[in-house]
Amino acid sequence: MLKMINHEADDGRWYPFRVTAGLIEGYSTNAKLHRLEEVKEVVKNWWQLCEEENFPKLFGTIDEKTMMYERRKDGEALEEPVVIFEGEVNPLRITADLGEEQYLMALWQLAELLADALNQTRVYIKFKQRTLVLEQCK
């Protein structure tokens, strides 16, 4: 038999998240393809940073997917392997002293780490109903 243990902690707040980054550096056919294991190491290192910097740790699943899109200039259909780290904030970890912005800043930190490790120009964050497109500043 199972019993619900979050009934007192659950106040209806729901914080789903997703971070998406490409696994190929650049756009050439001979560009470096990163592996899922590299991404897992980035996430583990991020958890350690969260611990050190007092950010909330976020847990989820990591999957490799294929993103499909159309190139604007000629309409050609393109495919790109991407990694997606997604989950939702555990209701047992939502506390009054942690607001949405702290979770978002933690995800932003992960996006920056992924952009650096995978040599990506853009990384996408979905948090609740918001979608953020983050682009490297050069």
C-alpha atoms as a PDB file:
ATOM      1  CA  MET A   1       0.000   0.000   0.000  1.00  0.00           C
ATOM      2  CA  LEU A   2       1.233   3.511  -0.816  1.00  0.00           C
ATOM      3  CA  LYS A   3       0.489   6.647   1.132  1.00  0.00           C
ATOM      4  CA  MET A   4       0.846  10.239  -0.037  1.00  0.00           C
ATOM      5  CA  ILE A   5       3.601  12.051   1.815  1.00  0.00           C
ATOM      6  CA  ASN A   6       3.410  15.481   0.220  1.00  0.00           C
ATOM      7  CA  HIS A   7      -0.179  16.462   1.078  1.00  0.00           C
ATOM      8  CA  GLU A   8       0.982  19.136   3.534  1.00  0.00           C
ATOM      9  CA  ALA A   9       3.820  20.397   1.332  1.00  0.00           C
ATOM     10  CA  ASP A  10       1.803  20.511  -1.900  1.00  0.00           C
ATOM     11  CA  ASP A  11       0.163  23.918  -2.224  1.00  0.00           C
ATOM     12  CA  GLY A  12      -0.630  23.608  -5.904  1.00  0.00           C
ATOM     13  CA  ARG A  13       2.623  25.085  -7.214  1.00  0.00           C
ATOM     14  CA  TRP A  14       3.895  23.121 -10.175  1.00  0.00           C
ATOM     15  CA  TYR A  15       7.296  23.881 -11.712  1.00  0.00           C
ATOM     16  CA  PRO A  16       7.988  21.760 -14.789  1.00  0.00           C
ATOM     17  CA  PHE A  17      11.231  22.467 -16.613  1.00  0.00           C
ATOM     18  CA  ARG A  18      13.175  21.477 -19.709  1.00  0.00           C
ATOM     19  CA  VAL A  19      16.621  22.460 -20.957  1.00  0.00           C
ATOM     20  CA  THR A  20      17.432  21.663 -24.600  1.00  0.00           C
ATOM     21  CA  ALA A  21      20.854  21.896 -26.231  1.00  0.00           C
ATOM     22  CA  GLY A  22      22.322  20.659 -29.495  1.00  0.00           C
ATOM     23  CA  LEU A  23      24.854  17.856 -29.499  1.00  0.00           C
ATOM     24  CA  ILE A  24      26.659  18.885 -32.700  1.00  0.00           C
ATOM     25  CA  GLU A  25      29.118  21.761 -32.692  1.00  0.00           C
ATOM     26  CA  GLY A  26      28.297  24.157 -35.512  1.00  0.00           C
ATOM     27  CA  TYR A  27      26.565  23.352 -38.765  1.00  0.00           C
ATOM     28  CA  SER A  28      29.145  21.544 -40.896  1.00  0.00           C
ATOM     29  CA  THR A  29      28.838  17.872 -41.804  1.00  0.00           C
ATOM     30  CA  ASN A  30      32.119  16.984 -40.094  1.00  0.00           C
ATOM     31  CA  ALA A  31      31.369  18.840 -36.849  1.00  0.00           C
ATOM     32  CA  LYS A  32      32.024  17.163 -33.510  1.00  0.00           C
ATOM     33  CA  LEU A  33      29.120  15.133 -32.115  1.00  0.00           C
ATOM     34  CA  HIS A  34      28.972  15.065 -28.318  1.00  0.00           C
ATOM     35  CA  ARG A  35      27.803  12.008 -26.403  1.00  0.00           C
ATOM     36  CA  LEU A  36      25.075  11.709 -23.808  1.00  0.00           C
ATOM     37  CA  GLU A  37      27.670  10.626 -21.223  1.00  0.00           C
ATOM     38  CA  GLU A  38      29.331  14.060 -21.531  1.00  0.00           C
ATOM     39  CA  VAL A  39      26.017  15.732 -20.750  1.00  0.00           C
ATOM     40  CA  LYS A  40      25.504  13.530 -17.702  1.00  0.00           C
ATOM     41  CA  GLU A  41      28.879  14.673 -16.367  1.00  0.00           C
ATOM     42  CA  VAL A  42      27.903  18.322 -16.912  1.00  0.00           C
ATOM     43  CA  VAL A  43      24.698  17.767 -14.935  1.00  0.00           C
ATOM     44  CA  LYS A  44      26.574  16.041 -12.096  1.00  0.00           C
ATOM     45  CA  ASN A  45      29.050  18.932 -11.950  1.00  0.00           C
ATOM     46  CA  TRP A  46      26.142  21.380 -11.965  1.00  0.00           C
ATOM     47  CA  TRP A  47      24.620  19.647  -8.950  1.00  0.00           C
ATOM     48  CA  GLN A  48      27.915  20.167  -7.137  1.00  0.00           C
ATOM     49  CA  LEU A  49      27.888  23.871  -8.098  1.00  0.00           C
ATOM     50  CA  CYS A  50      24.315  24.163  -6.869  1.00  0.00           C
ATOM     51  CA  GLU A  51      25.423  22.728  -3.554  1.00  0.00           C
ATOM     52  CA  GLU A  52      28.334  25.180  -3.297  1.00  0.00           C
ATOM     53  CA  GLU A  53      26.319  28.233  -4.373  1.00  0.00           C
ATOM     54  CA  ASN A  54      23.153  27.416  -2.423  1.00  0.00           C
ATOM     55  CA  PHE A  55      21.054  26.984  -5.557  1.00  0.00           C
ATOM     56  CA  PRO A  56      18.231  24.441  -5.548  1.00  0.00           C
ATOM     57  CA  LYS A  57      19.189  21.108  -7.090  1.00  0.00           C
ATOM     58  CA  LEU A  58      16.832  20.001  -9.831  1.00  0.00           C
ATOM     59  CA  PHE A  59      16.525  16.380 -10.848  1.00  0.00           C
ATOM     60  CA  GLY A  60      15.074  14.917 -14.006  1.00  0.00           C
ATOM     61  CA  THR A  61      15.578  12.695 -17.002  1.00  0.00           C
ATOM     62  CA  ILE A  62      18.079  13.086 -19.815  1.00  0.00           C
ATOM     63  CA  ASP A  63      17.191  11.968 -23.309  1.00  0.00           C
ATOM     64  CA  GLU A  64      18.733  12.305 -26.725  1.00  0.00           C
ATOM     65  CA  LYS A  65      16.179  13.346 -29.330  1.00  0.00           C
ATOM     66  CA  THR A  66      16.110  14.629 -32.889  1.00  0.00           C
ATOM     67  CA  MET A  67      15.010  18.220 -33.459  1.00  0.00           C
ATOM     68  CA  MET A  68      13.509  18.920 -36.861  1.00  0.00           C
ATOM     69  CA  TYR A  69      13.182  22.390 -38.302  1.00  0.00           C
ATOM     70  CA  GLU A  70      13.044  24.236 -41.583  1.00  0.00           C
ATOM     71  CA  ARG A  71      15.856  26.477 -42.740  1.00  0.00           C
ATOM     72  CA  ARG A  72      14.465  29.963 -43.360  1.00  0.00           C
ATOM     73  CA  LYS A  73      16.409  30.886 -46.478  1.00  0.00           C
ATOM     74  CA  ASP A  74      15.402  27.902 -48.624  1.00  0.00           C
ATOM     75  CA  GLY A  75      12.838  25.871 -46.685  1.00  0.00           C
ATOM     76  CA  GLU A  76      15.064  22.802 -46.478  1.00  0.00           C
ATOM     77  CA  ALA A  77      14.071  20.372 -43.723  1.00  0.00           C
ATOM     78  CA  LEU A  78      16.936  19.831 -41.306  1.00  0.00           C
ATOM     79  CA  GLU A  79      17.534  17.484 -38.393  1.00  0.00           C
ATOM     80  CA  GLU A  80      19.838  17.890 -35.422  1.00  0.00           C
ATOM     81  CA  PRO A  81      20.523  15.626 -32.451  1.00  0.00           C
ATOM     82  CA  VAL A  82      19.737  17.382 -29.173  1.00  0.00           C
ATOM     83  CA  VAL A  83      19.828  16.556 -25.512  1.00  0.00           C
ATOM     84  CA  ILE A  84      16.873  17.300 -23.265  1.00  0.00           C
ATOM     85  CA  PHE A  85      17.080  17.457 -19.483  1.00  0.00           C
ATOM     86  CA  GLU A  86      13.579  17.707 -18.073  1.00  0.00           C
ATOM     87  CA  GLY A  87      11.621  17.195 -14.926  1.00  0.00           C
ATOM     88  CA  GLU A  88       9.681  19.117 -12.353  1.00  0.00           C
ATOM     89  CA  VAL A  89      10.596  20.572  -9.019  1.00  0.00           C
ATOM     90  CA  ASN A  90       9.832  18.001  -6.351  1.00  0.00           C
ATOM     91  CA  PRO A  91       6.891  19.341  -4.278  1.00  0.00           C
ATOM     92  CA  LEU A  92       8.725  18.202  -1.146  1.00  0.00           C
ATOM     93  CA  ARG A  93      11.548  20.629  -2.024  1.00  0.00           C
ATOM     94  CA  ILE A  94       9.394  23.693  -2.702  1.00  0.00           C
ATOM     95  CA  THR A  95       9.736  25.980   0.286  1.00  0.00           C
ATOM     96  CA  ALA A  96       8.558  29.482   1.068  1.00  0.00           C
ATOM     97  CA  ASP A  97      12.106  30.855   0.937  1.00  0.00           C
ATOM     98  CA  LEU A  98      12.736  29.593  -2.620  1.00  0.00           C
ATOM     99  CA  GLY A  99      10.924  31.522  -5.306  1.00  0.00           C
ATOM    100  CA  GLU A 100      10.494  30.726  -8.978  1.00  0.00           C
ATOM    101  CA  GLU A 101      13.408  32.978  -9.922  1.00  0.00           C
ATOM    102  CA  GLN A 102      15.859  30.883  -7.921  1.00  0.00           C
ATOM    103  CA  TYR A 103      14.827  27.760  -9.813  1.00  0.00           C
ATOM    104  CA  LEU A 104      15.074  29.653 -13.089  1.00  0.00           C
ATOM    105  CA  MET A 105      18.551  30.964 -12.220  1.00  0.00           C
ATOM    106  CA  ALA A 106      19.682  27.420 -11.426  1.00  0.00           C
ATOM    107  CA  LEU A 107      18.428  26.288 -14.860  1.00  0.00           C
ATOM    108  CA  TRP A 108      20.159  29.262 -16.485  1.00  0.00           C
ATOM    109  CA  GLN A 109      23.414  28.170 -14.844  1.00  0.00           C
ATOM    110  CA  LEU A 110      22.940  24.657 -16.277  1.00  0.00           C
ATOM    111  CA  ALA A 111      22.244  26.135 -19.725  1.00  0.00           C
ATOM    112  CA  GLU A 112      25.508  28.098 -19.585  1.00  0.00           C
ATOM    113  CA  LEU A 113      27.453  25.001 -18.576  1.00  0.00           C
ATOM    114  CA  LEU A 114      25.903  22.998 -21.415  1.00  0.00           C
ATOM    115  CA  ALA A 115      26.574  25.767 -23.935  1.00  0.00           C
ATOM    116  CA  ASP A 116      30.242  25.817 -22.929  1.00  0.00           C
ATOM    117  CA  ALA A 117      30.712  22.038 -22.774  1.00  0.00           C
ATOM    118  CA  LEU A 118      28.884  21.342 -26.050  1.00  0.00           C
ATOM    119  CA  ASN A 119      30.110  24.487 -27.814  1.00  0.00           C
ATOM    120  CA  GLN A 120      26.569  25.667 -28.559  1.00  0.00           C
ATOM    121  CA  THR A 121      25.436  29.114 -29.636  1.00  0.00           C
ATOM    122  CA  ARG A 122      21.916  28.664 -28.250  1.00  0.00           C
ATOM    123  CA  VAL A 123      20.315  26.738 -25.423  1.00  0.00           C
ATOM    124  CA  TYR A 124      16.596  26.684 -24.687  1.00  0.00           C
ATOM    125  CA  ILE A 125      14.934  26.693 -21.268  1.00  0.00           C
ATOM    126  CA  LYS A 126      11.280  25.927 -20.694  1.00  0.00           C
ATOM    127  CA  PHE A 127      10.167  26.757 -17.153  1.00  0.00           C
ATOM    128  CA  LYS A 128       6.503  26.579 -16.279  1.00  0.00           C
ATOM    129  CA  GLN A 129       4.827  28.464 -19.149  1.00  0.00           C
ATOM    130  CA  ARG A 130       7.929  30.461 -20.090  1.00  0.00           C
ATOM    131  CA  THR A 131      10.359  29.650 -22.883  1.00  0.00           C
ATOM    132  CA  LEU A 132      13.751  31.325 -22.866  1.00  0.00           C
ATOM    133  CA  VAL A 133      16.163  31.265 -25.799  1.00  0.00           C
ATOM    134  CA  LEU A 134      19.657  31.917 -24.492  1.00  0.00           C
ATOM    135  CA  GLU A 135      22.375  32.900 -26.945  1.00  0.00           C
ATOM    136  CA  GLN A 136      26.121  33.133 -26.404  1.00  0.00           C
ATOM    137  CA  CYS A 137      27.447  36.688 -26.216  1.00  0.00           C
ATOM    138  CA  LYS A 138      30.608  37.079 -28.252  1.00  0.00           C
END
